[in-house]
Amino acid sequence: MLRDELVAELYALNRAEKLRVVQLLVNDLAADTSGEVLEHGAVYEVWSPYDAAGAAETLEKMLLEHKKKSTHE
């Protein structure tokens, strides 16, 4: 738990100083590799909607059905 004095000092900082504190903490957390979820230097596949014609067709059908329902109400 943070000490009350530290919290009070942090709240008293100006905007630039607060951003600097956040930057320092984020850099410190990034340097701590003990809890790292992603392996450094590894290649991870990311799904993309490009070339996903089946998904586009499904979405189009759903939108058309929704449009039909909303016009009949």
PDB file of N, CA and C in Angstrom:
ATOM      1  N   MET A   1       0.849  -1.173   0.000  1.00  0.00           N
ATOM      2  CA  MET A   1       0.000   0.000   0.000  1.00  0.00           C
ATOM      3  C   MET A   1       0.893   1.234   0.000  1.00  0.00           C
ATOM      4  N   LEU A   2       0.484   2.234  -0.759  1.00  0.00           N
ATOM      5  CA  LEU A   2       1.265   3.463  -0.834  1.00  0.00           C
ATOM      6  C   LEU A   2       1.156   4.256   0.462  1.00  0.00           C
ATOM      7  N   ARG A   3       2.240   4.828   0.841  1.00  0.00           N
ATOM      8  CA  ARG A   3       2.211   5.702   2.010  1.00  0.00           C
ATOM      9  C   ARG A   3       1.452   6.967   1.658  1.00  0.00           C
ATOM     10  N   ASP A   4       0.738   7.487   2.636  1.00  0.00           N
ATOM     11  CA  ASP A   4      -0.056   8.697   2.426  1.00  0.00           C
ATOM     12  C   ASP A   4       0.801   9.869   1.966  1.00  0.00           C
ATOM     13  N   GLU A   5       2.037   9.944   2.491  1.00  0.00           N
ATOM     14  CA  GLU A   5       2.932  11.047   2.108  1.00  0.00           C
ATOM     15  C   GLU A   5       3.283  10.979   0.629  1.00  0.00           C
ATOM     16  N   LEU A   6       3.530   9.766   0.143  1.00  0.00           N
ATOM     17  CA  LEU A   6       3.880   9.594  -1.270  1.00  0.00           C
ATOM     18  C   LEU A   6       2.705   9.966  -2.167  1.00  0.00           C
ATOM     19  N   VAL A   7       1.526   9.521  -1.792  1.00  0.00           N
ATOM     20  CA  VAL A   7       0.329   9.844  -2.571  1.00  0.00           C
ATOM     21  C   VAL A   7       0.111  11.353  -2.602  1.00  0.00           C
ATOM     22  N   ALA A   8       0.279  11.997  -1.475  1.00  0.00           N
ATOM     23  CA  ALA A   8       0.102  13.456  -1.417  1.00  0.00           C
ATOM     24  C   ALA A   8       1.121  14.157  -2.311  1.00  0.00           C
ATOM     25  N   GLU A   9       2.352  13.680  -2.301  1.00  0.00           N
ATOM     26  CA  GLU A   9       3.392  14.273  -3.147  1.00  0.00           C
ATOM     27  C   GLU A   9       3.071  14.077  -4.626  1.00  0.00           C
ATOM     28  N   LEU A  10       2.574  12.889  -4.974  1.00  0.00           N
ATOM     29  CA  LEU A  10       2.232  12.631  -6.376  1.00  0.00           C
ATOM     30  C   LEU A  10       1.111  13.547  -6.845  1.00  0.00           C
ATOM     31  N   TYR A  11       0.095  13.738  -6.017  1.00  0.00           N
ATOM     32  CA  TYR A  11      -1.001  14.629  -6.388  1.00  0.00           C
ATOM     33  C   TYR A  11      -0.548  16.078  -6.509  1.00  0.00           C
ATOM     34  N   ALA A  12       0.500  16.440  -5.806  1.00  0.00           N
ATOM     35  CA  ALA A  12       0.985  17.826  -5.832  1.00  0.00           C
ATOM     36  C   ALA A  12       1.820  18.133  -7.077  1.00  0.00           C
ATOM     37  N   LEU A  13       2.238  17.120  -7.798  1.00  0.00           N
ATOM     38  CA  LEU A  13       3.065  17.332  -8.995  1.00  0.00           C
ATOM     39  C   LEU A  13       2.273  18.016 -10.095  1.00  0.00           C
ATOM     40  N   ASN A  14       2.996  18.745 -10.951  1.00  0.00           N
ATOM     41  CA  ASN A  14       2.323  19.329 -12.119  1.00  0.00           C
ATOM     42  C   ASN A  14       2.179  18.260 -13.193  1.00  0.00           C
ATOM     43  N   ARG A  15       1.513  18.608 -14.256  1.00  0.00           N
ATOM     44  CA  ARG A  15       1.195  17.630 -15.307  1.00  0.00           C
ATOM     45  C   ARG A  15       2.447  16.972 -15.883  1.00  0.00           C
ATOM     46  N   ALA A  16       3.455  17.762 -16.215  1.00  0.00           N
ATOM     47  CA  ALA A  16       4.682  17.218 -16.813  1.00  0.00           C
ATOM     48  C   ALA A  16       5.378  16.256 -15.853  1.00  0.00           C
ATOM     49  N   GLU A  17       5.411  16.615 -14.576  1.00  0.00           N
ATOM     50  CA  GLU A  17       6.046  15.758 -13.588  1.00  0.00           C
ATOM     51  C   GLU A  17       5.270  14.450 -13.414  1.00  0.00           C
ATOM     52  N   LYS A  18       3.941  14.519 -13.440  1.00  0.00           N
ATOM     53  CA  LYS A  18       3.123  13.312 -13.331  1.00  0.00           C
ATOM     54  C   LYS A  18       3.368  12.396 -14.525  1.00  0.00           C
ATOM     55  N   LEU A  19       3.452  12.970 -15.717  1.00  0.00           N
ATOM     56  CA  LEU A  19       3.730  12.164 -16.907  1.00  0.00           C
ATOM     57  C   LEU A  19       5.096  11.500 -16.815  1.00  0.00           C
ATOM     58  N   ARG A  20       6.064  12.214 -16.253  1.00  0.00           N
ATOM     59  CA  ARG A  20       7.409  11.655 -16.083  1.00  0.00           C
ATOM     60  C   ARG A  20       7.385  10.478 -15.109  1.00  0.00           C
ATOM     61  N   VAL A  21       6.623  10.609 -14.028  1.00  0.00           N
ATOM     62  CA  VAL A  21       6.498   9.517 -13.062  1.00  0.00           C
ATOM     63  C   VAL A  21       5.863   8.302 -13.724  1.00  0.00           C
ATOM     64  N   VAL A  22       4.811   8.531 -14.498  1.00  0.00           N
ATOM     65  CA  VAL A  22       4.149   7.425 -15.199  1.00  0.00           C
ATOM     66  C   VAL A  22       5.127   6.762 -16.155  1.00  0.00           C
ATOM     67  N   GLN A  23       5.894   7.567 -16.885  1.00  0.00           N
ATOM     68  CA  GLN A  23       6.865   7.025 -17.830  1.00  0.00           C
ATOM     69  C   GLN A  23       7.913   6.178 -17.096  1.00  0.00           C
ATOM     70  N   LEU A  24       8.395   6.660 -15.980  1.00  0.00           N
ATOM     71  CA  LEU A  24       9.385   5.909 -15.209  1.00  0.00           C
ATOM     72  C   LEU A  24       8.815   4.572 -14.741  1.00  0.00           C
ATOM     73  N   LEU A  25       7.574   4.592 -14.258  1.00  0.00           N
ATOM     74  CA  LEU A  25       6.951   3.365 -13.778  1.00  0.00           C
ATOM     75  C   LEU A  25       6.696   2.377 -14.902  1.00  0.00           C
ATOM     76  N   VAL A  26       6.242   2.869 -16.039  1.00  0.00           N
ATOM     77  CA  VAL A  26       5.990   1.989 -17.182  1.00  0.00           C
ATOM     78  C   VAL A  26       7.297   1.377 -17.678  1.00  0.00           C
ATOM     79  N   ASN A  27       8.334   2.185 -17.756  1.00  0.00           N
ATOM     80  CA  ASN A  27       9.633   1.658 -18.184  1.00  0.00           C
ATOM     81  C   ASN A  27      10.136   0.604 -17.203  1.00  0.00           C
ATOM     82  N   ASP A  28       9.935   0.845 -15.918  1.00  0.00           N
ATOM     83  CA  ASP A  28      10.350  -0.112 -14.903  1.00  0.00           C
ATOM     84  C   ASP A  28       9.582  -1.423 -15.045  1.00  0.00           C
ATOM     85  N   LEU A  29       8.277  -1.325 -15.271  1.00  0.00           N
ATOM     86  CA  LEU A  29       7.471  -2.529 -15.460  1.00  0.00           C
ATOM     87  C   LEU A  29       7.867  -3.273 -16.726  1.00  0.00           C
ATOM     88  N   ALA A  30       8.164  -2.536 -17.782  1.00  0.00           N
ATOM     89  CA  ALA A  30       8.567  -3.164 -19.042  1.00  0.00           C
ATOM     90  C   ALA A  30       9.898  -3.887 -18.896  1.00  0.00           C
ATOM     91  N   ALA A  31      10.774  -3.353 -18.054  1.00  0.00           N
ATOM     92  CA  ALA A  31      12.081  -3.964 -17.853  1.00  0.00           C
ATOM     93  C   ALA A  31      11.987  -5.229 -17.011  1.00  0.00           C
ATOM     94  N   ASP A  32      10.924  -5.350 -16.232  1.00  0.00           N
ATOM     95  CA  ASP A  32      10.729  -6.525 -15.394  1.00  0.00           C
ATOM     96  C   ASP A  32      10.174  -7.648 -16.256  1.00  0.00           C
ATOM     97  N   THR A  33      11.023  -8.586 -16.636  1.00  0.00           N
ATOM     98  CA  THR A  33      10.610  -9.656 -17.542  1.00  0.00           C
ATOM     99  C   THR A  33      10.073 -10.875 -16.818  1.00  0.00           C
ATOM    100  N   SER A  34      10.035 -10.842 -15.499  1.00  0.00           N
ATOM    101  CA  SER A  34       9.586 -12.022 -14.759  1.00  0.00           C
ATOM    102  C   SER A  34       8.117 -12.339 -15.025  1.00  0.00           C
ATOM    103  N   GLY A  35       7.298 -11.336 -15.298  1.00  0.00           N
ATOM    104  CA  GLY A  35       5.887 -11.576 -15.555  1.00  0.00           C
ATOM    105  C   GLY A  35       5.518 -11.395 -17.011  1.00  0.00           C
ATOM    106  N   GLU A  36       6.507 -11.466 -17.880  1.00  0.00           N
ATOM    107  CA  GLU A  36       6.283 -11.203 -19.296  1.00  0.00           C
ATOM    108  C   GLU A  36       5.365 -12.256 -19.905  1.00  0.00           C
ATOM    109  N   VAL A  37       4.343 -11.801 -20.614  1.00  0.00           N
ATOM    110  CA  VAL A  37       3.384 -12.694 -21.246  1.00  0.00           C
ATOM    111  C   VAL A  37       3.870 -13.097 -22.631  1.00  0.00           C
ATOM    112  N   LEU A  38       4.394 -12.152 -23.375  1.00  0.00           N
ATOM    113  CA  LEU A  38       4.891 -12.432 -24.717  1.00  0.00           C
ATOM    114  C   LEU A  38       6.404 -12.604 -24.679  1.00  0.00           C
ATOM    115  N   GLU A  39       6.867 -13.557 -25.434  1.00  0.00           N
ATOM    116  CA  GLU A  39       8.299 -13.814 -25.481  1.00  0.00           C
ATOM    117  C   GLU A  39       8.983 -12.785 -26.364  1.00  0.00           C
ATOM    118  N   HIS A  40      10.057 -12.182 -25.869  1.00  0.00           N
ATOM    119  CA  HIS A  40      10.786 -11.158 -26.621  1.00  0.00           C
ATOM    120  C   HIS A  40      11.381 -11.776 -27.897  1.00  0.00           C
ATOM    121  N   GLY A  41      11.130 -11.128 -29.017  1.00  0.00           N
ATOM    122  CA  GLY A  41      11.684 -11.569 -30.291  1.00  0.00           C
ATOM    123  C   GLY A  41      10.882 -12.657 -30.983  1.00  0.00           C
ATOM    124  N   ALA A  42       9.848 -13.149 -30.342  1.00  0.00           N
ATOM    125  CA  ALA A  42       9.036 -14.200 -30.954  1.00  0.00           C
ATOM    126  C   ALA A  42       8.100 -13.611 -32.000  1.00  0.00           C
ATOM    127  N   VAL A  43       7.667 -14.430 -32.923  1.00  0.00           N
ATOM    128  CA  VAL A  43       6.731 -14.016 -33.966  1.00  0.00           C
ATOM    129  C   VAL A  43       5.363 -14.580 -33.620  1.00  0.00           C
ATOM    130  N   TYR A  44       4.358 -13.725 -33.580  1.00  0.00           N
ATOM    131  CA  TYR A  44       3.003 -14.136 -33.243  1.00  0.00           C
ATOM    132  C   TYR A  44       2.079 -13.839 -34.414  1.00  0.00           C
ATOM    133  N   GLU A  45       1.247 -14.816 -34.762  1.00  0.00           N
ATOM    134  CA  GLU A  45       0.305 -14.653 -35.856  1.00  0.00           C
ATOM    135  C   GLU A  45      -0.876 -13.800 -35.377  1.00  0.00           C
ATOM    136  N   VAL A  46      -1.260 -12.837 -36.188  1.00  0.00           N
ATOM    137  CA  VAL A  46      -2.386 -11.966 -35.865  1.00  0.00           C
ATOM    138  C   VAL A  46      -3.451 -12.142 -36.932  1.00  0.00           C
ATOM    139  N   TRP A  47      -4.690 -12.404 -36.501  1.00  0.00           N
ATOM    140  CA  TRP A  47      -5.773 -12.585 -37.452  1.00  0.00           C
ATOM    141  C   TRP A  47      -6.150 -11.245 -38.067  1.00  0.00           C
ATOM    142  N   SER A  48      -6.479 -11.273 -39.330  1.00  0.00           N
ATOM    143  CA  SER A  48      -6.884 -10.072 -40.042  1.00  0.00           C
ATOM    144  C   SER A  48      -8.150 -10.379 -40.841  1.00  0.00           C
ATOM    145  N   PRO A  49      -9.054  -9.406 -40.971  1.00  0.00           N
ATOM    146  CA  PRO A  49     -10.273  -9.647 -41.741  1.00  0.00           C
ATOM    147  C   PRO A  49     -10.032  -9.698 -43.254  1.00  0.00           C
ATOM    148  N   TYR A  50      -8.845  -9.331 -43.698  1.00  0.00           N
ATOM    149  CA  TYR A  50      -8.562  -9.386 -45.129  1.00  0.00           C
ATOM    150  C   TYR A  50      -8.597 -10.830 -45.602  1.00  0.00           C
ATOM    151  N   ASP A  51      -9.128 -11.039 -46.758  1.00  0.00           N
ATOM    152  CA  ASP A  51      -9.284 -12.370 -47.351  1.00  0.00           C
ATOM    153  C   ASP A  51     -10.193 -13.267 -46.508  1.00  0.00           C
ATOM    154  N   ALA A  52     -11.135 -12.679 -45.807  1.00  0.00           N
ATOM    155  CA  ALA A  52     -12.091 -13.445 -45.008  1.00  0.00           C
ATOM    156  C   ALA A  52     -13.478 -13.245 -45.619  1.00  0.00           C
ATOM    157  N   ALA A  53     -13.639 -13.722 -46.839  1.00  0.00           N
ATOM    158  CA  ALA A  53     -14.891 -13.513 -47.573  1.00  0.00           C
ATOM    159  C   ALA A  53     -16.074 -14.142 -46.852  1.00  0.00           C
ATOM    160  N   GLY A  54     -15.884 -15.293 -46.244  1.00  0.00           N
ATOM    161  CA  GLY A  54     -16.968 -15.956 -45.525  1.00  0.00           C
ATOM    162  C   GLY A  54     -17.490 -15.104 -44.382  1.00  0.00           C
ATOM    163  N   ALA A  55     -16.595 -14.472 -43.673  1.00  0.00           N
ATOM    164  CA  ALA A  55     -17.003 -13.606 -42.566  1.00  0.00           C
ATOM    165  C   ALA A  55     -17.757 -12.394 -43.088  1.00  0.00           C
ATOM    166  N   ALA A  56     -17.311 -11.847 -44.198  1.00  0.00           N
ATOM    167  CA  ALA A  56     -17.977 -10.687 -44.783  1.00  0.00           C
ATOM    168  C   ALA A  56     -19.389 -11.057 -45.246  1.00  0.00           C
ATOM    169  N   GLU A  57     -19.542 -12.221 -45.834  1.00  0.00           N
ATOM    170  CA  GLU A  57     -20.866 -12.670 -46.290  1.00  0.00           C
ATOM    171  C   GLU A  57     -21.807 -12.879 -45.109  1.00  0.00           C
ATOM    172  N   THR A  58     -21.298 -13.484 -44.045  1.00  0.00           N
ATOM    173  CA  THR A  58     -22.110 -13.707 -42.850  1.00  0.00           C
ATOM    174  C   THR A  58     -22.561 -12.381 -42.255  1.00  0.00           C
ATOM    175  N   LEU A  59     -21.648 -11.439 -42.163  1.00  0.00           N
ATOM    176  CA  LEU A  59     -21.990 -10.125 -41.626  1.00  0.00           C
ATOM    177  C   LEU A  59     -23.019  -9.423 -42.497  1.00  0.00           C
ATOM    178  N   GLU A  60     -22.862  -9.512 -43.808  1.00  0.00           N
ATOM    179  CA  GLU A  60     -23.817  -8.889 -44.716  1.00  0.00           C
ATOM    180  C   GLU A  60     -25.212  -9.485 -44.536  1.00  0.00           C
ATOM    181  N   LYS A  61     -25.301 -10.808 -44.412  1.00  0.00           N
ATOM    182  CA  LYS A  61     -26.596 -11.466 -44.197  1.00  0.00           C
ATOM    183  C   LYS A  61     -27.234 -10.995 -42.896  1.00  0.00           C
ATOM    184  N   MET A  62     -26.432 -10.918 -41.850  1.00  0.00           N
ATOM    185  CA  MET A  62     -26.947 -10.474 -40.557  1.00  0.00           C
ATOM    186  C   MET A  62     -27.461  -9.041 -40.634  1.00  0.00           C
ATOM    187  N   LEU A  63     -26.741  -8.183 -41.326  1.00  0.00           N
ATOM    188  CA  LEU A  63     -27.163  -6.784 -41.460  1.00  0.00           C
ATOM    189  C   LEU A  63     -28.454  -6.670 -42.257  1.00  0.00           C
ATOM    190  N   LEU A  64     -28.573  -7.460 -43.326  1.00  0.00           N
ATOM    191  CA  LEU A  64     -29.798  -7.442 -44.122  1.00  0.00           C
ATOM    192  C   LEU A  64     -30.992  -7.941 -43.320  1.00  0.00           C
ATOM    193  N   GLU A  65     -30.800  -9.010 -42.532  1.00  0.00           N
ATOM    194  CA  GLU A  65     -31.877  -9.524 -41.679  1.00  0.00           C
ATOM    195  C   GLU A  65     -32.294  -8.488 -40.640  1.00  0.00           C
ATOM    196  N   HIS A  66     -31.314  -7.822 -40.066  1.00  0.00           N
ATOM    197  CA  HIS A  66     -31.615  -6.789 -39.074  1.00  0.00           C
ATOM    198  C   HIS A  66     -32.388  -5.633 -39.714  1.00  0.00           C
ATOM    199  N   LYS A  67     -31.974  -5.267 -40.909  1.00  0.00           N
ATOM    200  CA  LYS A  67     -32.650  -4.173 -41.612  1.00  0.00           C
ATOM    201  C   LYS A  67     -34.097  -4.543 -41.919  1.00  0.00           C
ATOM    202  N   LYS A  68     -34.325  -5.787 -42.353  1.00  0.00           N
ATOM    203  CA  LYS A  68     -35.691  -6.248 -42.643  1.00  0.00           C
ATOM    204  C   LYS A  68     -36.558  -6.226 -41.380  1.00  0.00           C
ATOM    205  N   LYS A  69     -36.015  -6.688 -40.262  1.00  0.00           N
ATOM    206  CA  LYS A  69     -36.741  -6.705 -38.996  1.00  0.00           C
ATOM    207  C   LYS A  69     -37.094  -5.301 -38.537  1.00  0.00           C
ATOM    208  N   SER A  70     -36.145  -4.374 -38.671  1.00  0.00           N
ATOM    209  CA  SER A  70     -36.363  -3.008 -38.185  1.00  0.00           C
ATOM    210  C   SER A  70     -37.378  -2.253 -39.055  1.00  0.00           C
ATOM    211  N   THR A  71     -37.516  -2.621 -40.335  1.00  0.00           N
ATOM    212  CA  THR A  71     -38.491  -1.944 -41.184  1.00  0.00           C
ATOM    213  C   THR A  71     -39.909  -2.484 -40.982  1.00  0.00           C
ATOM    214  N   HIS A  72     -40.044  -3.729 -40.475  1.00  0.00           N
ATOM    215  CA  HIS A  72     -41.352  -4.322 -40.227  1.00  0.00           C
ATOM    216  C   HIS A  72     -41.921  -3.964 -38.853  1.00  0.00           C
ATOM    217  N   GLU A  73     -41.117  -3.385 -38.003  1.00  0.00           N
ATOM    218  CA  GLU A  73     -41.577  -3.058 -36.646  1.00  0.00           C
ATOM    219  C   GLU A  73     -42.306  -1.739 -36.604  1.00  0.00           C
TER     220      GLU A  73
END
